[in-house]
């Protein structure tokens, strides 16, 4: 059921969004995941939150054009600060 809710939210959220807004959401989700990683990993609620954020991130990323996915994956792999695309 959560999977269906997440898909519906993602679909509705994406309606009318520009790519730059989607990239901004990807960067924000990555920041939230990093915060979860810094908190106690022994708390199941933190782990569940991180898992949900990761699923949201993957859902948005897979719908981005390939060039943006590549740019974002290179940015994440290099562990550099977020790009200022605007």
PDB file of N, CA and C in Angstrom:
ATOM      1  N   UNK A   1       0.817  -1.197   0.000  1.00  0.00           N
ATOM      2  CA  UNK A   1       0.000   0.000   0.000  1.00  0.00           C
ATOM      3  C   UNK A   1       0.860   1.260   0.000  1.00  0.00           C
ATOM      4  N   UNK A   2       1.930   1.268   0.808  1.00  0.00           N
ATOM      5  CA  UNK A   2       2.804   2.439   0.827  1.00  0.00           C
ATOM      6  C   UNK A   2       3.424   2.690  -0.545  1.00  0.00           C
ATOM      7  N   UNK A   3       3.716   1.618  -1.255  1.00  0.00           N
ATOM      8  CA  UNK A   3       4.300   1.755  -2.586  1.00  0.00           C
ATOM      9  C   UNK A   3       3.326   2.476  -3.514  1.00  0.00           C
ATOM     10  N   UNK A   4       2.058   2.128  -3.436  1.00  0.00           N
ATOM     11  CA  UNK A   4       1.034   2.766  -4.273  1.00  0.00           C
ATOM     12  C   UNK A   4       0.877   4.242  -3.908  1.00  0.00           C
ATOM     13  N   UNK A   5       0.903   4.538  -2.627  1.00  0.00           N
ATOM     14  CA  UNK A   5       0.789   5.933  -2.167  1.00  0.00           C
ATOM     15  C   UNK A   5       1.988   6.733  -2.658  1.00  0.00           C
ATOM     16  N   UNK A   6       3.173   6.149  -2.546  1.00  0.00           N
ATOM     17  CA  UNK A   6       4.394   6.840  -2.976  1.00  0.00           C
ATOM     18  C   UNK A   6       4.352   7.112  -4.479  1.00  0.00           C
ATOM     19  N   UNK A   7       3.921   6.125  -5.265  1.00  0.00           N
ATOM     20  CA  UNK A   7       3.839   6.321  -6.717  1.00  0.00           C
ATOM     21  C   UNK A   7       2.847   7.412  -7.069  1.00  0.00           C
ATOM     22  N   UNK A   8       1.704   7.403  -6.407  1.00  0.00           N
ATOM     23  CA  UNK A   8       0.690   8.423  -6.663  1.00  0.00           C
ATOM     24  C   UNK A   8       1.218   9.797  -6.305  1.00  0.00           C
ATOM     25  N   UNK A   9       1.867   9.924  -5.143  1.00  0.00           N
ATOM     26  CA  UNK A   9       2.421  11.214  -4.722  1.00  0.00           C
ATOM     27  C   UNK A   9       3.434  11.697  -5.745  1.00  0.00           C
ATOM     28  N   UNK A  10       4.331  10.795  -6.159  1.00  0.00           N
ATOM     29  CA  UNK A  10       5.378  11.177  -7.105  1.00  0.00           C
ATOM     30  C   UNK A  10       4.767  11.626  -8.423  1.00  0.00           C
ATOM     31  N   UNK A  11       3.794  10.877  -8.910  1.00  0.00           N
ATOM     32  CA  UNK A  11       3.135  11.248 -10.168  1.00  0.00           C
ATOM     33  C   UNK A  11       2.469  12.611 -10.046  1.00  0.00           C
ATOM     34  N   UNK A  12       1.735  12.825  -8.984  1.00  0.00           N
ATOM     35  CA  UNK A  12       1.042  14.113  -8.801  1.00  0.00           C
ATOM     36  C   UNK A  12       2.025  15.254  -8.621  1.00  0.00           C
ATOM     37  N   UNK A  13       3.087  15.001  -7.864  1.00  0.00           N
ATOM     38  CA  UNK A  13       4.068  16.052  -7.617  1.00  0.00           C
ATOM     39  C   UNK A  13       4.733  16.484  -8.915  1.00  0.00           C
ATOM     40  N   UNK A  14       5.018  15.535  -9.806  1.00  0.00           N
ATOM     41  CA  UNK A  14       5.735  15.829 -11.038  1.00  0.00           C
ATOM     42  C   UNK A  14       4.910  16.601 -12.057  1.00  0.00           C
ATOM     43  N   UNK A  15       3.596  16.560 -11.945  1.00  0.00           N
ATOM     44  CA  UNK A  15       2.741  17.240 -12.920  1.00  0.00           C
ATOM     45  C   UNK A  15       3.062  18.728 -12.975  1.00  0.00           C
ATOM     46  N   UNK A  16       3.427  19.187 -14.135  1.00  0.00           N
ATOM     47  CA  UNK A  16       3.682  20.611 -14.331  1.00  0.00           C
ATOM     48  C   UNK A  16       5.027  21.100 -13.825  1.00  0.00           C
ATOM     49  N   UNK A  17       5.868  20.204 -13.341  1.00  0.00           N
ATOM     50  CA  UNK A  17       7.176  20.613 -12.822  1.00  0.00           C
ATOM     51  C   UNK A  17       8.184  20.708 -13.960  1.00  0.00           C
ATOM     52  N   UNK A  18       9.072  21.657 -13.829  1.00  0.00           N
ATOM     53  CA  UNK A  18      10.184  21.789 -14.758  1.00  0.00           C
ATOM     54  C   UNK A  18      11.318  20.899 -14.272  1.00  0.00           C
ATOM     55  N   UNK A  19      12.214  20.544 -15.165  1.00  0.00           N
ATOM     56  CA  UNK A  19      13.335  19.678 -14.790  1.00  0.00           C
ATOM     57  C   UNK A  19      14.142  20.254 -13.643  1.00  0.00           C
ATOM     58  N   UNK A  20      14.319  21.562 -13.636  1.00  0.00           N
ATOM     59  CA  UNK A  20      15.118  22.177 -12.572  1.00  0.00           C
ATOM     60  C   UNK A  20      14.464  21.952 -11.202  1.00  0.00           C
ATOM     61  N   UNK A  21      13.136  21.937 -11.153  1.00  0.00           N
ATOM     62  CA  UNK A  21      12.438  21.675  -9.894  1.00  0.00           C
ATOM     63  C   UNK A  21      12.621  20.222  -9.466  1.00  0.00           C
ATOM     64  N   UNK A  22      12.663  19.327 -10.435  1.00  0.00           N
ATOM     65  CA  UNK A  22      12.877  17.920 -10.128  1.00  0.00           C
ATOM     66  C   UNK A  22      14.303  17.694  -9.627  1.00  0.00           C
ATOM     67  N   UNK A  23      15.270  18.360 -10.251  1.00  0.00           N
ATOM     68  CA  UNK A  23      16.659  18.251  -9.801  1.00  0.00           C
ATOM     69  C   UNK A  23      16.785  18.819  -8.387  1.00  0.00           C
ATOM     70  N   UNK A  24      16.112  19.918  -8.132  1.00  0.00           N
ATOM     71  CA  UNK A  24      16.121  20.507  -6.795  1.00  0.00           C
ATOM     72  C   UNK A  24      15.577  19.512  -5.772  1.00  0.00           C
ATOM     73  N   UNK A  25      14.511  18.803  -6.104  1.00  0.00           N
ATOM     74  CA  UNK A  25      13.951  17.802  -5.205  1.00  0.00           C
ATOM     75  C   UNK A  25      14.936  16.665  -4.979  1.00  0.00           C
ATOM     76  N   UNK A  26      15.629  16.245  -6.024  1.00  0.00           N
ATOM     77  CA  UNK A  26      16.643  15.190  -5.884  1.00  0.00           C
ATOM     78  C   UNK A  26      17.710  15.633  -4.879  1.00  0.00           C
ATOM     79  N   UNK A  27      18.184  16.848  -5.020  1.00  0.00           N
ATOM     80  CA  UNK A  27      19.217  17.357  -4.120  1.00  0.00           C
ATOM     81  C   UNK A  27      18.704  17.457  -2.686  1.00  0.00           C
ATOM     82  N   UNK A  28      17.467  17.894  -2.519  1.00  0.00           N
ATOM     83  CA  UNK A  28      16.885  17.987  -1.176  1.00  0.00           C
ATOM     84  C   UNK A  28      16.723  16.606  -0.544  1.00  0.00           C
ATOM     85  N   UNK A  29      16.276  15.643  -1.333  1.00  0.00           N
ATOM     86  CA  UNK A  29      16.136  14.283  -0.805  1.00  0.00           C
ATOM     87  C   UNK A  29      17.491  13.721  -0.403  1.00  0.00           C
ATOM     88  N   UNK A  30      18.509  13.989  -1.199  1.00  0.00           N
ATOM     89  CA  UNK A  30      19.857  13.529  -0.841  1.00  0.00           C
ATOM     90  C   UNK A  30      20.319  14.147   0.472  1.00  0.00           C
ATOM     91  N   UNK A  31      20.007  15.417   0.680  1.00  0.00           N
ATOM     92  CA  UNK A  31      20.376  16.071   1.941  1.00  0.00           C
ATOM     93  C   UNK A  31      19.665  15.416   3.121  1.00  0.00           C
ATOM     94  N   UNK A  32      18.392  15.110   2.960  1.00  0.00           N
ATOM     95  CA  UNK A  32      17.633  14.468   4.024  1.00  0.00           C
ATOM     96  C   UNK A  32      18.167  13.065   4.311  1.00  0.00           C
ATOM     97  N   UNK A  33      18.567  12.352   3.276  1.00  0.00           N
ATOM     98  CA  UNK A  33      19.157  11.029   3.458  1.00  0.00           C
ATOM     99  C   UNK A  33      20.473  11.142   4.224  1.00  0.00           C
ATOM    100  N   UNK A  34      21.263  12.158   3.900  1.00  0.00           N
ATOM    101  CA  UNK A  34      22.523  12.371   4.614  1.00  0.00           C
ATOM    102  C   UNK A  34      22.275  12.651   6.090  1.00  0.00           C
ATOM    103  N   UNK A  35      21.218  13.392   6.394  1.00  0.00           N
ATOM    104  CA  UNK A  35      20.867  13.661   7.785  1.00  0.00           C
ATOM    105  C   UNK A  35      20.500  12.365   8.494  1.00  0.00           C
ATOM    106  N   UNK A  36      19.733  11.523   7.824  1.00  0.00           N
ATOM    107  CA  UNK A  36      19.380  10.218   8.400  1.00  0.00           C
ATOM    108  C   UNK A  36      20.629   9.390   8.656  1.00  0.00           C
ATOM    109  N   UNK A  37      21.587   9.461   7.741  1.00  0.00           N
ATOM    110  CA  UNK A  37      22.824   8.698   7.891  1.00  0.00           C
ATOM    111  C   UNK A  37      23.638   9.170   9.091  1.00  0.00           C
ATOM    112  N   UNK A  38      23.529  10.458   9.412  1.00  0.00           N
ATOM    113  CA  UNK A  38      24.290  11.006  10.537  1.00  0.00           C
ATOM    114  C   UNK A  38      23.644  10.704  11.885  1.00  0.00           C
ATOM    115  N   UNK A  39      22.345  10.422  11.880  1.00  0.00           N
ATOM    116  CA  UNK A  39      21.667  10.103  13.132  1.00  0.00           C
ATOM    117  C   UNK A  39      21.860   8.637  13.465  1.00  0.00           C
ATOM    118  N   UNK A  40      21.428   8.265  14.601  1.00  0.00           N
ATOM    119  CA  UNK A  40      21.606   6.892  15.074  1.00  0.00           C
ATOM    120  C   UNK A  40      20.979   5.897  14.109  1.00  0.00           C
ATOM    121  N   UNK A  41      21.792   4.994  13.599  1.00  0.00           N
ATOM    122  CA  UNK A  41      21.289   3.990  12.669  1.00  0.00           C
ATOM    123  C   UNK A  41      20.629   2.822  13.387  1.00  0.00           C
ATOM    124  N   UNK A  42      20.630   2.856  14.707  1.00  0.00           N
ATOM    125  CA  UNK A  42      19.999   1.770  15.459  1.00  0.00           C
ATOM    126  C   UNK A  42      18.499   1.982  15.606  1.00  0.00           C
ATOM    127  N   UNK A  43      18.014   3.180  15.338  1.00  0.00           N
ATOM    128  CA  UNK A  43      16.579   3.454  15.450  1.00  0.00           C
ATOM    129  C   UNK A  43      15.874   2.983  14.189  1.00  0.00           C
ATOM    130  N   UNK A  44      14.901   2.133  14.355  1.00  0.00           N
ATOM    131  CA  UNK A  44      14.181   1.603  13.194  1.00  0.00           C
ATOM    132  C   UNK A  44      13.399   2.695  12.476  1.00  0.00           C
ATOM    133  N   UNK A  45      12.920   3.696  13.214  1.00  0.00           N
ATOM    134  CA  UNK A  45      12.174   4.774  12.563  1.00  0.00           C
ATOM    135  C   UNK A  45      13.079   5.578  11.633  1.00  0.00           C
ATOM    136  N   UNK A  46      14.329   5.794  12.036  1.00  0.00           N
ATOM    137  CA  UNK A  46      15.284   6.501  11.180  1.00  0.00           C
ATOM    138  C   UNK A  46      15.590   5.678   9.943  1.00  0.00           C
ATOM    139  N   UNK A  47      15.766   4.379  10.134  1.00  0.00           N
ATOM    140  CA  UNK A  47      16.036   3.501   8.993  1.00  0.00           C
ATOM    141  C   UNK A  47      14.852   3.467   8.039  1.00  0.00           C
ATOM    142  N   UNK A  48      13.652   3.410   8.578  1.00  0.00           N
ATOM    143  CA  UNK A  48      12.456   3.380   7.730  1.00  0.00           C
ATOM    144  C   UNK A  48      12.307   4.701   6.972  1.00  0.00           C
ATOM    145  N   UNK A  49      12.555   5.808   7.655  1.00  0.00           N
ATOM    146  CA  UNK A  49      12.497   7.119   7.006  1.00  0.00           C
ATOM    147  C   UNK A  49      13.514   7.191   5.876  1.00  0.00           C
ATOM    148  N   UNK A  50      14.730   6.731   6.153  1.00  0.00           N
ATOM    149  CA  UNK A  50      15.775   6.743   5.131  1.00  0.00           C
ATOM    150  C   UNK A  50      15.362   5.887   3.937  1.00  0.00           C
ATOM    151  N   UNK A  51      14.814   4.723   4.191  1.00  0.00           N
ATOM    152  CA  UNK A  51      14.376   3.842   3.103  1.00  0.00           C
ATOM    153  C   UNK A  51      13.295   4.496   2.251  1.00  0.00           C
ATOM    154  N   UNK A  52      12.343   5.162   2.893  1.00  0.00           N
ATOM    155  CA  UNK A  52      11.280   5.844   2.152  1.00  0.00           C
ATOM    156  C   UNK A  52      11.836   6.996   1.320  1.00  0.00           C
ATOM    157  N   UNK A  53      12.763   7.763   1.899  1.00  0.00           N
ATOM    158  CA  UNK A  53      13.392   8.853   1.149  1.00  0.00           C
ATOM    159  C   UNK A  53      14.164   8.320  -0.041  1.00  0.00           C
ATOM    160  N   UNK A  54      14.864   7.217   0.157  1.00  0.00           N
ATOM    161  CA  UNK A  54      15.632   6.598  -0.932  1.00  0.00           C
ATOM    162  C   UNK A  54      14.710   6.141  -2.063  1.00  0.00           C
ATOM    163  N   UNK A  55      13.575   5.588  -1.718  1.00  0.00           N
ATOM    164  CA  UNK A  55      12.615   5.155  -2.735  1.00  0.00           C
ATOM    165  C   UNK A  55      12.060   6.344  -3.506  1.00  0.00           C
ATOM    166  N   UNK A  56      11.766   7.432  -2.788  1.00  0.00           N
ATOM    167  CA  UNK A  56      11.295   8.657  -3.458  1.00  0.00           C
ATOM    168  C   UNK A  56      12.361   9.174  -4.414  1.00  0.00           C
ATOM    169  N   UNK A  57      13.601   9.189  -3.934  1.00  0.00           N
ATOM    170  CA  UNK A  57      14.714   9.666  -4.744  1.00  0.00           C
ATOM    171  C   UNK A  57      14.850   8.838  -6.018  1.00  0.00           C
ATOM    172  N   UNK A  58      14.839   7.527  -5.880  1.00  0.00           N
ATOM    173  CA  UNK A  58      14.965   6.653  -7.040  1.00  0.00           C
ATOM    174  C   UNK A  58      13.812   6.842  -8.018  1.00  0.00           C
ATOM    175  N   UNK A  59      12.627   7.036  -7.487  1.00  0.00           N
ATOM    176  CA  UNK A  59      11.456   7.224  -8.330  1.00  0.00           C
ATOM    177  C   UNK A  59      11.576   8.484  -9.186  1.00  0.00           C
ATOM    178  N   UNK A  60      12.053   9.545  -8.585  1.00  0.00           N
ATOM    179  CA  UNK A  60      12.211  10.806  -9.316  1.00  0.00           C
ATOM    180  C   UNK A  60      13.385  10.705 -10.287  1.00  0.00           C
ATOM    181  N   UNK A  61      14.507  10.151  -9.826  1.00  0.00           N
ATOM    182  CA  UNK A  61      15.699  10.067 -10.675  1.00  0.00           C
ATOM    183  C   UNK A  61      15.465   9.245 -11.933  1.00  0.00           C
ATOM    184  N   UNK A  62      14.731   8.151 -11.802  1.00  0.00           N
ATOM    185  CA  UNK A  62      14.570   7.292 -12.987  1.00  0.00           C
ATOM    186  C   UNK A  62      13.722   7.946 -14.066  1.00  0.00           C
ATOM    187  N   UNK A  63      12.998   8.993 -13.736  1.00  0.00           N
ATOM    188  CA  UNK A  63      12.169   9.680 -14.730  1.00  0.00           C
ATOM    189  C   UNK A  63      12.862  10.904 -15.336  1.00  0.00           C
ATOM    190  N   UNK A  64      14.037  11.216 -14.829  1.00  0.00           N
ATOM    191  CA  UNK A  64      14.792  12.331 -15.388  1.00  0.00           C
ATOM    192  C   UNK A  64      15.441  11.913 -16.699  1.00  0.00           C
ATOM    193  N   UNK A  65      15.710  12.871 -17.583  1.00  0.00           N
ATOM    194  CA  UNK A  65      16.442  12.551 -18.809  1.00  0.00           C
ATOM    195  C   UNK A  65      17.820  11.971 -18.464  1.00  0.00           C
ATOM    196  N   UNK A  66      18.317  11.148 -19.346  1.00  0.00           N
ATOM    197  CA  UNK A  66      19.584  10.446 -19.097  1.00  0.00           C
ATOM    198  C   UNK A  66      20.739  11.401 -18.794  1.00  0.00           C
ATOM    199  N   UNK A  67      20.805  12.529 -19.499  1.00  0.00           N
ATOM    200  CA  UNK A  67      21.918  13.459 -19.266  1.00  0.00           C
ATOM    201  C   UNK A  67      21.885  14.028 -17.844  1.00  0.00           C
ATOM    202  N   UNK A  68      20.702  14.320 -17.339  1.00  0.00           N
ATOM    203  CA  UNK A  68      20.610  14.817 -15.968  1.00  0.00           C
ATOM    204  C   UNK A  68      20.936  13.724 -14.949  1.00  0.00           C
ATOM    205  N   UNK A  69      20.458  12.507 -15.217  1.00  0.00           N
ATOM    206  CA  UNK A  69      20.785  11.384 -14.319  1.00  0.00           C
ATOM    207  C   UNK A  69      22.294  11.185 -14.241  1.00  0.00           C
ATOM    208  N   UNK A  70      22.959  11.257 -15.382  1.00  0.00           N
ATOM    209  CA  UNK A  70      24.406  11.093 -15.424  1.00  0.00           C
ATOM    210  C   UNK A  70      25.097  12.204 -14.648  1.00  0.00           C
ATOM    211  N   UNK A  71      24.671  13.430 -14.856  1.00  0.00           N
ATOM    212  CA  UNK A  71      25.241  14.570 -14.154  1.00  0.00           C
ATOM    213  C   UNK A  71      25.060  14.424 -12.644  1.00  0.00           C
ATOM    214  N   UNK A  72      23.862  14.049 -12.228  1.00  0.00           N
ATOM    215  CA  UNK A  72      23.583  13.890 -10.802  1.00  0.00           C
ATOM    216  C   UNK A  72      24.336  12.704 -10.204  1.00  0.00           C
ATOM    217  N   UNK A  73      24.467  11.627 -10.953  1.00  0.00           N
ATOM    218  CA  UNK A  73      25.194  10.471 -10.423  1.00  0.00           C
ATOM    219  C   UNK A  73      26.684  10.784 -10.309  1.00  0.00           C
ATOM    220  N   UNK A  74      27.232  11.532 -11.258  1.00  0.00           N
ATOM    221  CA  UNK A  74      28.639  11.938 -11.177  1.00  0.00           C
ATOM    222  C   UNK A  74      28.858  12.865  -9.993  1.00  0.00           C
ATOM    223  N   UNK A  75      27.909  13.751  -9.752  1.00  0.00           N
ATOM    224  CA  UNK A  75      27.988  14.673  -8.627  1.00  0.00           C
ATOM    225  C   UNK A  75      27.947  13.904  -7.312  1.00  0.00           C
ATOM    226  N   UNK A  76      27.075  12.915  -7.216  1.00  0.00           N
ATOM    227  CA  UNK A  76      26.950  12.122  -5.993  1.00  0.00           C
ATOM    228  C   UNK A  76      28.181  11.251  -5.789  1.00  0.00           C
ATOM    229  N   UNK A  77      28.699  10.674  -6.866  1.00  0.00           N
ATOM    230  CA  UNK A  77      29.868   9.800  -6.771  1.00  0.00           C
ATOM    231  C   UNK A  77      31.105  10.572  -6.327  1.00  0.00           C
ATOM    232  N   UNK A  78      31.211  11.808  -6.781  1.00  0.00           N
ATOM    233  CA  UNK A  78      32.364  12.631  -6.419  1.00  0.00           C
ATOM    234  C   UNK A  78      32.224  13.188  -5.014  1.00  0.00           C
ATOM    235  N   UNK A  79      31.012  13.052  -4.443  1.00  0.00           N
ATOM    236  CA  UNK A  79      30.735  13.563  -3.100  1.00  0.00           C
ATOM    237  C   UNK A  79      31.058  15.047  -3.002  1.00  0.00           C
ATOM    238  N   UNK A  80      30.661  15.771  -4.041  1.00  0.00           N
ATOM    239  CA  UNK A  80      30.893  17.198  -4.086  1.00  0.00           C
ATOM    240  C   UNK A  80      29.646  17.922  -3.608  1.00  0.00           C
ATOM    241  N   UNK A  81      29.765  19.191  -3.271  1.00  0.00           N
ATOM    242  CA  UNK A  81      28.579  19.948  -2.891  1.00  0.00           C
ATOM    243  C   UNK A  81      27.577  19.974  -4.036  1.00  0.00           C
ATOM    244  N   UNK A  82      26.294  20.163  -3.738  1.00  0.00           N
ATOM    245  CA  UNK A  82      25.277  20.202  -4.796  1.00  0.00           C
ATOM    246  C   UNK A  82      25.587  21.268  -5.836  1.00  0.00           C
ATOM    247  N   UNK A  83      25.227  20.959  -7.064  1.00  0.00           N
ATOM    248  CA  UNK A  83      25.420  21.893  -8.152  1.00  0.00           C
ATOM    249  C   UNK A  83      24.454  23.042  -8.055  1.00  0.00           C
ATOM    250  N   UNK A  84      24.874  24.212  -8.449  1.00  0.00           N
ATOM    251  CA  UNK A  84      23.982  25.352  -8.533  1.00  0.00           C
ATOM    252  C   UNK A  84      23.588  25.459 -10.000  1.00  0.00           C
ATOM    253  N   UNK A  85      22.411  24.908 -10.322  1.00  0.00           N
ATOM    254  CA  UNK A  85      21.983  24.841 -11.720  1.00  0.00           C
ATOM    255  C   UNK A  85      21.236  26.072 -12.188  1.00  0.00           C
ATOM    256  N   UNK A  86      20.938  26.965 -11.291  1.00  0.00           N
ATOM    257  CA  UNK A  86      20.164  28.149 -11.678  1.00  0.00           C
ATOM    258  C   UNK A  86      21.087  29.349 -11.745  1.00  0.00           C
TER     259      UNK A  86
END
